[in-house]
Amino acid sequence: MCDASPPLSQQHLASLQALTRDYARLSRSGAGLGKVLGGFFLLALAVVELAGHHGRPTFLGGFAPLPVTSILALGLLPFLWLAAREVMGRWWYRRHGDVVPSAGEFSTGRARRLRIAGILLPVLLLCCLVPILAGSLPWKGLRVALVLGLALGLSLAWRRLQDRGRLERFMGILLFTGPILMFSGIQMAAGDTLLAFPAAGIAAIIMGLREHLAFRRVERELAGER
């Protein structure tokens, strides 16, 4: 006759519930390293923007196109970030099991953000295409194609970013709009646009490292429960 397993104490059950909640939250968010990588990409965009204009920022912004061949690789950064974030989420942060989103994932707030994005994206696209089409830029056709491709990428990625936090949504917007502005020949205004890249990048690196350390703690506690 087999002995029945002893019942779990209320304290142990509460501890397991908190542990599984932490795992669900951290594994779904990418738990850190995705934010760290995106933060470094944002800092790289700010450095290239400043270096391309010889360290002379403009407070209000302006039309000062950079050679498209020197910034071509920047168009890959948002796609590299999204791919790396997905790989890290699936093969590192969810290796103890995937987390199924709750039934209330598509909330009214999320639908509202999608509607706002549907309005703002065409406005951004128009503002960035006008300088290319109106000016006498070299590689004009390539610039238009790159802007359209990045705008399409942002529209497709936006729905995927809705189940992330505000910082990651903001990072996604910056990683796409930064190259779009550069390909359009628009020099970012130091008073707001350019400042957002290092500010968000540093915040993402700090928060990402904190989340990664928290996930490692959860991992150790999960191992102790086996």
C-alpha atoms as a PDB file:
ATOM      1  CA  MET A   1       0.000   0.000   0.000  1.00  0.00           C
ATOM      2  CA  CYS A   2       1.471   3.346  -1.071  1.00  0.00           C
ATOM      3  CA  ASP A   3       1.634   6.242   1.314  1.00  0.00           C
ATOM      4  CA  ALA A   4      -0.165   9.374   0.155  1.00  0.00           C
ATOM      5  CA  SER A   5       1.990  12.396  -0.470  1.00  0.00           C
ATOM      6  CA  PRO A   6       1.761  14.948   2.332  1.00  0.00           C
ATOM      7  CA  PRO A   7      -0.402  17.975   1.509  1.00  0.00           C
ATOM      8  CA  LEU A   8       1.395  21.188   0.655  1.00  0.00           C
ATOM      9  CA  SER A   9       1.237  23.932   3.238  1.00  0.00           C
ATOM     10  CA  GLN A  10      -0.532  27.188   2.474  1.00  0.00           C
ATOM     11  CA  GLN A  11       2.788  28.995   2.652  1.00  0.00           C
ATOM     12  CA  HIS A  12       4.353  26.622   0.112  1.00  0.00           C
ATOM     13  CA  LEU A  13       1.373  26.980  -2.225  1.00  0.00           C
ATOM     14  CA  ALA A  14       1.575  30.764  -2.022  1.00  0.00           C
ATOM     15  CA  SER A  15       5.296  30.560  -2.782  1.00  0.00           C
ATOM     16  CA  LEU A  16       4.664  28.345  -5.843  1.00  0.00           C
ATOM     17  CA  GLN A  17       1.963  30.709  -7.105  1.00  0.00           C
ATOM     18  CA  ALA A  18       4.294  33.698  -6.806  1.00  0.00           C
ATOM     19  CA  LEU A  19       7.060  31.731  -8.542  1.00  0.00           C
ATOM     20  CA  THR A  20       4.881  30.723 -11.486  1.00  0.00           C
ATOM     21  CA  ARG A  21       3.574  34.291 -11.828  1.00  0.00           C
ATOM     22  CA  ASP A  22       7.151  35.601 -11.936  1.00  0.00           C
ATOM     23  CA  TYR A  23       8.114  32.989 -14.516  1.00  0.00           C
ATOM     24  CA  ALA A  24       5.084  33.831 -16.671  1.00  0.00           C
ATOM     25  CA  ARG A  25       5.786  37.564 -16.523  1.00  0.00           C
ATOM     26  CA  LEU A  26       9.519  37.324 -17.193  1.00  0.00           C
ATOM     27  CA  SER A  27       9.380  34.630 -19.852  1.00  0.00           C
ATOM     28  CA  ARG A  28       6.716  36.446 -21.865  1.00  0.00           C
ATOM     29  CA  SER A  29       8.626  39.725 -21.753  1.00  0.00           C
ATOM     30  CA  GLY A  30      11.874  38.181 -22.996  1.00  0.00           C
ATOM     31  CA  ALA A  31      13.257  38.640 -19.499  1.00  0.00           C
ATOM     32  CA  GLY A  32      15.979  41.096 -20.112  1.00  0.00           C
ATOM     33  CA  LEU A  33      18.500  40.351 -22.806  1.00  0.00           C
ATOM     34  CA  GLY A  34      16.124  41.433 -25.576  1.00  0.00           C
ATOM     35  CA  LYS A  35      15.850  44.839 -23.935  1.00  0.00           C
ATOM     36  CA  VAL A  36      19.634  45.020 -23.494  1.00  0.00           C
ATOM     37  CA  LEU A  37      20.232  44.280 -27.192  1.00  0.00           C
ATOM     38  CA  GLY A  38      17.616  46.830 -28.262  1.00  0.00           C
ATOM     39  CA  GLY A  39      19.190  49.388 -25.939  1.00  0.00           C
ATOM     40  CA  PHE A  40      22.579  48.972 -27.603  1.00  0.00           C
ATOM     41  CA  PHE A  41      20.948  49.276 -31.042  1.00  0.00           C
ATOM     42  CA  LEU A  42      19.325  52.568 -29.959  1.00  0.00           C
ATOM     43  CA  LEU A  43      22.667  53.898 -28.745  1.00  0.00           C
ATOM     44  CA  ALA A  44      24.243  52.846 -32.076  1.00  0.00           C
ATOM     45  CA  LEU A  45      21.605  54.822 -34.000  1.00  0.00           C
ATOM     46  CA  ALA A  46      22.311  57.925 -31.909  1.00  0.00           C
ATOM     47  CA  VAL A  47      26.074  57.569 -32.432  1.00  0.00           C
ATOM     48  CA  VAL A  48      25.714  57.147 -36.208  1.00  0.00           C
ATOM     49  CA  GLU A  49      23.377  60.147 -36.418  1.00  0.00           C
ATOM     50  CA  LEU A  50      25.814  62.368 -34.517  1.00  0.00           C
ATOM     51  CA  ALA A  51      28.913  61.059 -36.290  1.00  0.00           C
ATOM     52  CA  GLY A  52      27.275  61.448 -39.705  1.00  0.00           C
ATOM     53  CA  HIS A  53      26.766  65.143 -39.011  1.00  0.00           C
ATOM     54  CA  HIS A  54      30.264  65.528 -37.553  1.00  0.00           C
ATOM     55  CA  GLY A  55      29.023  65.912 -33.988  1.00  0.00           C
ATOM     56  CA  ARG A  56      27.043  69.053 -34.814  1.00  0.00           C
ATOM     57  CA  PRO A  57      23.442  68.461 -33.705  1.00  0.00           C
ATOM     58  CA  THR A  58      20.649  70.803 -34.619  1.00  0.00           C
ATOM     59  CA  PHE A  59      18.111  71.746 -31.974  1.00  0.00           C
ATOM     60  CA  LEU A  60      15.136  72.003 -34.330  1.00  0.00           C
ATOM     61  CA  GLY A  61      16.112  69.388 -36.914  1.00  0.00           C
ATOM     62  CA  GLY A  62      16.433  69.957 -40.639  1.00  0.00           C
ATOM     63  CA  PHE A  63      17.115  68.461 -44.039  1.00  0.00           C
ATOM     64  CA  ALA A  64      20.707  67.197 -44.042  1.00  0.00           C
ATOM     65  CA  PRO A  65      20.864  63.838 -45.861  1.00  0.00           C
ATOM     66  CA  LEU A  66      23.589  61.324 -45.082  1.00  0.00           C
ATOM     67  CA  PRO A  67      25.057  59.101 -47.839  1.00  0.00           C
ATOM     68  CA  VAL A  68      22.651  56.197 -48.138  1.00  0.00           C
ATOM     69  CA  THR A  69      25.484  53.693 -48.584  1.00  0.00           C
ATOM     70  CA  SER A  70      26.958  54.609 -45.193  1.00  0.00           C
ATOM     71  CA  ILE A  71      23.698  54.044 -43.304  1.00  0.00           C
ATOM     72  CA  LEU A  72      22.257  51.171 -45.331  1.00  0.00           C
ATOM     73  CA  ALA A  73      22.949  48.549 -42.657  1.00  0.00           C
ATOM     74  CA  LEU A  74      20.892  50.510 -40.092  1.00  0.00           C
ATOM     75  CA  GLY A  75      17.727  49.367 -41.836  1.00  0.00           C
ATOM     76  CA  LEU A  76      18.430  45.839 -40.596  1.00  0.00           C
ATOM     77  CA  LEU A  77      18.589  46.770 -36.889  1.00  0.00           C
ATOM     78  CA  PRO A  78      14.847  46.593 -36.071  1.00  0.00           C
ATOM     79  CA  PHE A  79      14.481  43.247 -37.834  1.00  0.00           C
ATOM     80  CA  LEU A  80      17.577  41.841 -36.136  1.00  0.00           C
ATOM     81  CA  TRP A  81      16.194  42.987 -32.787  1.00  0.00           C
ATOM     82  CA  LEU A  82      12.798  41.382 -33.370  1.00  0.00           C
ATOM     83  CA  ALA A  83      14.367  38.105 -34.552  1.00  0.00           C
ATOM     84  CA  ALA A  84      16.888  37.943 -31.679  1.00  0.00           C
ATOM     85  CA  ARG A  85      14.165  38.784 -29.161  1.00  0.00           C
ATOM     86  CA  GLU A  86      11.997  35.950 -30.472  1.00  0.00           C
ATOM     87  CA  VAL A  87      14.853  33.439 -30.483  1.00  0.00           C
ATOM     88  CA  MET A  88      15.911  34.362 -26.948  1.00  0.00           C
ATOM     89  CA  GLY A  89      12.325  34.164 -25.760  1.00  0.00           C
ATOM     90  CA  ARG A  90      11.706  30.710 -27.207  1.00  0.00           C
ATOM     91  CA  TRP A  91      15.056  29.015 -26.653  1.00  0.00           C
ATOM     92  CA  TRP A  92      16.215  30.623 -23.424  1.00  0.00           C
ATOM     93  CA  TYR A  93      13.472  32.255 -21.428  1.00  0.00           C
ATOM     94  CA  ARG A  94      10.683  29.758 -22.190  1.00  0.00           C
ATOM     95  CA  ARG A  95      12.659  26.545 -22.035  1.00  0.00           C
ATOM     96  CA  HIS A  96      10.729  25.498 -18.919  1.00  0.00           C
ATOM     97  CA  GLY A  97       7.450  25.791 -20.814  1.00  0.00           C
ATOM     98  CA  ASP A  98       5.594  28.344 -22.900  1.00  0.00           C
ATOM     99  CA  VAL A  99       3.096  30.751 -21.401  1.00  0.00           C
ATOM    100  CA  VAL A 100      -0.327  31.042 -22.979  1.00  0.00           C
ATOM    101  CA  PRO A 101      -1.722  34.594 -23.068  1.00  0.00           C
ATOM    102  CA  SER A 102      -4.885  35.134 -21.064  1.00  0.00           C
ATOM    103  CA  ALA A 103      -8.274  35.440 -22.705  1.00  0.00           C
ATOM    104  CA  GLY A 104      -8.330  39.179 -21.969  1.00  0.00           C
ATOM    105  CA  GLU A 105      -5.178  39.843 -23.996  1.00  0.00           C
ATOM    106  CA  PHE A 106      -7.027  41.903 -26.629  1.00  0.00           C
ATOM    107  CA  SER A 107      -8.293  44.599 -24.327  1.00  0.00           C
ATOM    108  CA  THR A 108      -9.950  47.864 -25.226  1.00  0.00           C
ATOM    109  CA  GLY A 109      -6.670  49.649 -24.518  1.00  0.00           C
ATOM    110  CA  ARG A 110      -4.822  47.410 -26.948  1.00  0.00           C
ATOM    111  CA  ALA A 111      -7.432  47.982 -29.661  1.00  0.00           C
ATOM    112  CA  ARG A 112      -7.129  51.733 -29.084  1.00  0.00           C
ATOM    113  CA  ARG A 113      -3.319  51.564 -29.498  1.00  0.00           C
ATOM    114  CA  LEU A 114      -3.770  49.682 -32.770  1.00  0.00           C
ATOM    115  CA  ARG A 115      -6.166  52.346 -34.049  1.00  0.00           C
ATOM    116  CA  ILE A 116      -3.772  55.136 -33.064  1.00  0.00           C
ATOM    117  CA  ALA A 117      -0.914  53.348 -34.838  1.00  0.00           C
ATOM    118  CA  GLY A 118      -3.099  53.016 -37.933  1.00  0.00           C
ATOM    119  CA  ILE A 119      -3.516  56.799 -37.982  1.00  0.00           C
ATOM    120  CA  LEU A 120       0.014  57.864 -37.037  1.00  0.00           C
ATOM    121  CA  LEU A 121       1.918  55.490 -39.334  1.00  0.00           C
ATOM    122  CA  PRO A 122       0.580  56.994 -42.605  1.00  0.00           C
ATOM    123  CA  VAL A 123       1.319  60.488 -41.236  1.00  0.00           C
ATOM    124  CA  LEU A 124       4.913  59.474 -40.427  1.00  0.00           C
ATOM    125  CA  LEU A 125       5.258  57.865 -43.840  1.00  0.00           C
ATOM    126  CA  LEU A 126       4.012  60.980 -45.618  1.00  0.00           C
ATOM    127  CA  CYS A 127       6.313  63.284 -43.625  1.00  0.00           C
ATOM    128  CA  CYS A 128       9.329  61.136 -44.484  1.00  0.00           C
ATOM    129  CA  LEU A 129       8.526  60.579 -48.166  1.00  0.00           C
ATOM    130  CA  VAL A 130       7.966  64.266 -48.968  1.00  0.00           C
ATOM    131  CA  PRO A 131      11.645  65.305 -48.422  1.00  0.00           C
ATOM    132  CA  ILE A 132      12.860  62.442 -50.623  1.00  0.00           C
ATOM    133  CA  LEU A 133      10.466  63.129 -53.464  1.00  0.00           C
ATOM    134  CA  ALA A 134      10.859  66.925 -53.301  1.00  0.00           C
ATOM    135  CA  GLY A 135      14.656  67.040 -52.996  1.00  0.00           C
ATOM    136  CA  SER A 136      17.396  66.161 -55.454  1.00  0.00           C
ATOM    137  CA  LEU A 137      18.795  63.224 -53.520  1.00  0.00           C
ATOM    138  CA  PRO A 138      21.078  60.542 -54.913  1.00  0.00           C
ATOM    139  CA  TRP A 139      19.712  57.003 -54.745  1.00  0.00           C
ATOM    140  CA  LYS A 140      16.190  58.423 -54.506  1.00  0.00           C
ATOM    141  CA  GLY A 141      14.497  55.188 -55.588  1.00  0.00           C
ATOM    142  CA  LEU A 142      16.443  53.152 -53.047  1.00  0.00           C
ATOM    143  CA  ARG A 143      15.603  55.614 -50.273  1.00  0.00           C
ATOM    144  CA  VAL A 144      11.887  55.425 -51.075  1.00  0.00           C
ATOM    145  CA  ALA A 145      12.012  51.612 -51.124  1.00  0.00           C
ATOM    146  CA  LEU A 146      13.818  51.504 -47.775  1.00  0.00           C
ATOM    147  CA  VAL A 147      11.363  53.902 -46.125  1.00  0.00           C
ATOM    148  CA  LEU A 148       8.378  51.942 -47.437  1.00  0.00           C
ATOM    149  CA  GLY A 149       9.935  48.641 -46.350  1.00  0.00           C
ATOM    150  CA  LEU A 150      10.599  49.895 -42.830  1.00  0.00           C
ATOM    151  CA  ALA A 151       7.113  51.387 -42.556  1.00  0.00           C
ATOM    152  CA  LEU A 152       5.632  48.047 -43.619  1.00  0.00           C
ATOM    153  CA  GLY A 153       7.875  46.267 -41.109  1.00  0.00           C
ATOM    154  CA  LEU A 154       6.690  48.554 -38.315  1.00  0.00           C
ATOM    155  CA  SER A 155       3.036  47.995 -39.182  1.00  0.00           C
ATOM    156  CA  LEU A 156       3.532  44.203 -39.138  1.00  0.00           C
ATOM    157  CA  ALA A 157       5.594  44.248 -35.946  1.00  0.00           C
ATOM    158  CA  TRP A 158       3.265  46.591 -34.073  1.00  0.00           C
ATOM    159  CA  ARG A 159       0.690  43.904 -33.282  1.00  0.00           C
ATOM    160  CA  ARG A 160       3.448  41.633 -31.970  1.00  0.00           C
ATOM    161  CA  LEU A 161       4.631  44.404 -29.672  1.00  0.00           C
ATOM    162  CA  GLN A 162       1.238  44.909 -28.059  1.00  0.00           C
ATOM    163  CA  ASP A 163       1.734  42.192 -25.453  1.00  0.00           C
ATOM    164  CA  ARG A 164       4.984  43.827 -24.286  1.00  0.00           C
ATOM    165  CA  GLY A 165       5.516  46.715 -21.926  1.00  0.00           C
ATOM    166  CA  ARG A 166       5.526  50.385 -22.838  1.00  0.00           C
ATOM    167  CA  LEU A 167       9.305  50.557 -22.987  1.00  0.00           C
ATOM    168  CA  GLU A 168       9.549  47.760 -25.559  1.00  0.00           C
ATOM    169  CA  ARG A 169       6.815  49.316 -27.687  1.00  0.00           C
ATOM    170  CA  PHE A 170       8.673  52.618 -27.561  1.00  0.00           C
ATOM    171  CA  MET A 171      11.932  50.863 -28.438  1.00  0.00           C
ATOM    172  CA  GLY A 172      10.279  49.223 -31.431  1.00  0.00           C
ATOM    173  CA  ILE A 173       8.994  52.576 -32.680  1.00  0.00           C
ATOM    174  CA  LEU A 174      12.435  54.193 -32.325  1.00  0.00           C
ATOM    175  CA  LEU A 175      14.295  51.318 -33.980  1.00  0.00           C
ATOM    176  CA  PHE A 176      12.082  51.628 -37.055  1.00  0.00           C
ATOM    177  CA  THR A 177      11.651  55.413 -37.201  1.00  0.00           C
ATOM    178  CA  GLY A 178      15.360  56.169 -36.662  1.00  0.00           C
ATOM    179  CA  PRO A 179      16.468  54.582 -39.964  1.00  0.00           C
ATOM    180  CA  ILE A 180      13.336  55.931 -41.685  1.00  0.00           C
ATOM    181  CA  LEU A 181      14.323  59.497 -40.767  1.00  0.00           C
ATOM    182  CA  MET A 182      17.938  58.923 -41.827  1.00  0.00           C
ATOM    183  CA  PHE A 183      16.964  57.462 -45.210  1.00  0.00           C
ATOM    184  CA  SER A 184      14.609  60.425 -45.707  1.00  0.00           C
ATOM    185  CA  GLY A 185      17.493  62.851 -45.229  1.00  0.00           C
ATOM    186  CA  ILE A 186      15.987  64.371 -42.085  1.00  0.00           C
ATOM    187  CA  GLN A 187      18.462  65.331 -39.364  1.00  0.00           C
ATOM    188  CA  MET A 188      16.925  64.554 -35.990  1.00  0.00           C
ATOM    189  CA  ALA A 189      16.188  67.429 -33.657  1.00  0.00           C
ATOM    190  CA  ALA A 190      18.514  67.278 -30.658  1.00  0.00           C
ATOM    191  CA  GLY A 191      15.863  68.845 -28.439  1.00  0.00           C
ATOM    192  CA  ASP A 192      13.515  65.852 -28.595  1.00  0.00           C
ATOM    193  CA  THR A 193      13.895  63.167 -31.285  1.00  0.00           C
ATOM    194  CA  LEU A 194      17.634  62.525 -31.007  1.00  0.00           C
ATOM    195  CA  LEU A 195      17.563  62.692 -27.209  1.00  0.00           C
ATOM    196  CA  ALA A 196      14.980  59.897 -27.089  1.00  0.00           C
ATOM    197  CA  PHE A 197      17.425  57.320 -28.507  1.00  0.00           C
ATOM    198  CA  PRO A 198      20.146  57.375 -25.818  1.00  0.00           C
ATOM    199  CA  ALA A 199      17.583  57.962 -23.062  1.00  0.00           C
ATOM    200  CA  ALA A 200      15.497  54.935 -24.067  1.00  0.00           C
ATOM    201  CA  GLY A 201      18.629  52.909 -24.805  1.00  0.00           C
ATOM    202  CA  ILE A 202      20.160  53.431 -21.362  1.00  0.00           C
ATOM    203  CA  ALA A 203      16.806  52.773 -19.647  1.00  0.00           C
ATOM    204  CA  ALA A 204      16.380  49.551 -21.644  1.00  0.00           C
ATOM    205  CA  ILE A 205      19.867  48.275 -20.776  1.00  0.00           C
ATOM    206  CA  ILE A 206      19.383  48.935 -17.048  1.00  0.00           C
ATOM    207  CA  MET A 207      15.891  47.424 -16.944  1.00  0.00           C
ATOM    208  CA  GLY A 208      16.920  44.491 -19.131  1.00  0.00           C
ATOM    209  CA  LEU A 209      19.812  43.558 -16.857  1.00  0.00           C
ATOM    210  CA  ARG A 210      17.535  43.757 -13.816  1.00  0.00           C
ATOM    211  CA  GLU A 211      14.967  41.490 -15.501  1.00  0.00           C
ATOM    212  CA  HIS A 212      17.634  38.996 -16.558  1.00  0.00           C
ATOM    213  CA  LEU A 213      18.980  38.742 -13.011  1.00  0.00           C
ATOM    214  CA  ALA A 214      15.424  38.308 -11.726  1.00  0.00           C
ATOM    215  CA  PHE A 215      14.821  35.513 -14.231  1.00  0.00           C
ATOM    216  CA  ARG A 216      17.998  33.724 -13.169  1.00  0.00           C
ATOM    217  CA  ARG A 217      16.738  33.857  -9.572  1.00  0.00           C
ATOM    218  CA  VAL A 218      13.382  32.388 -10.650  1.00  0.00           C
ATOM    219  CA  GLU A 219      15.230  29.682 -12.576  1.00  0.00           C
ATOM    220  CA  ARG A 220      17.227  28.699  -9.515  1.00  0.00           C
ATOM    221  CA  GLU A 221      14.063  28.537  -7.421  1.00  0.00           C
ATOM    222  CA  LEU A 222      12.335  26.385 -10.059  1.00  0.00           C
ATOM    223  CA  ALA A 223      15.290  24.017 -10.030  1.00  0.00           C
ATOM    224  CA  GLY A 224      14.990  23.787  -6.248  1.00  0.00           C
ATOM    225  CA  GLU A 225      11.350  22.690  -6.515  1.00  0.00           C
ATOM    226  CA  ARG A 226      12.198  19.632  -8.604  1.00  0.00           C
END
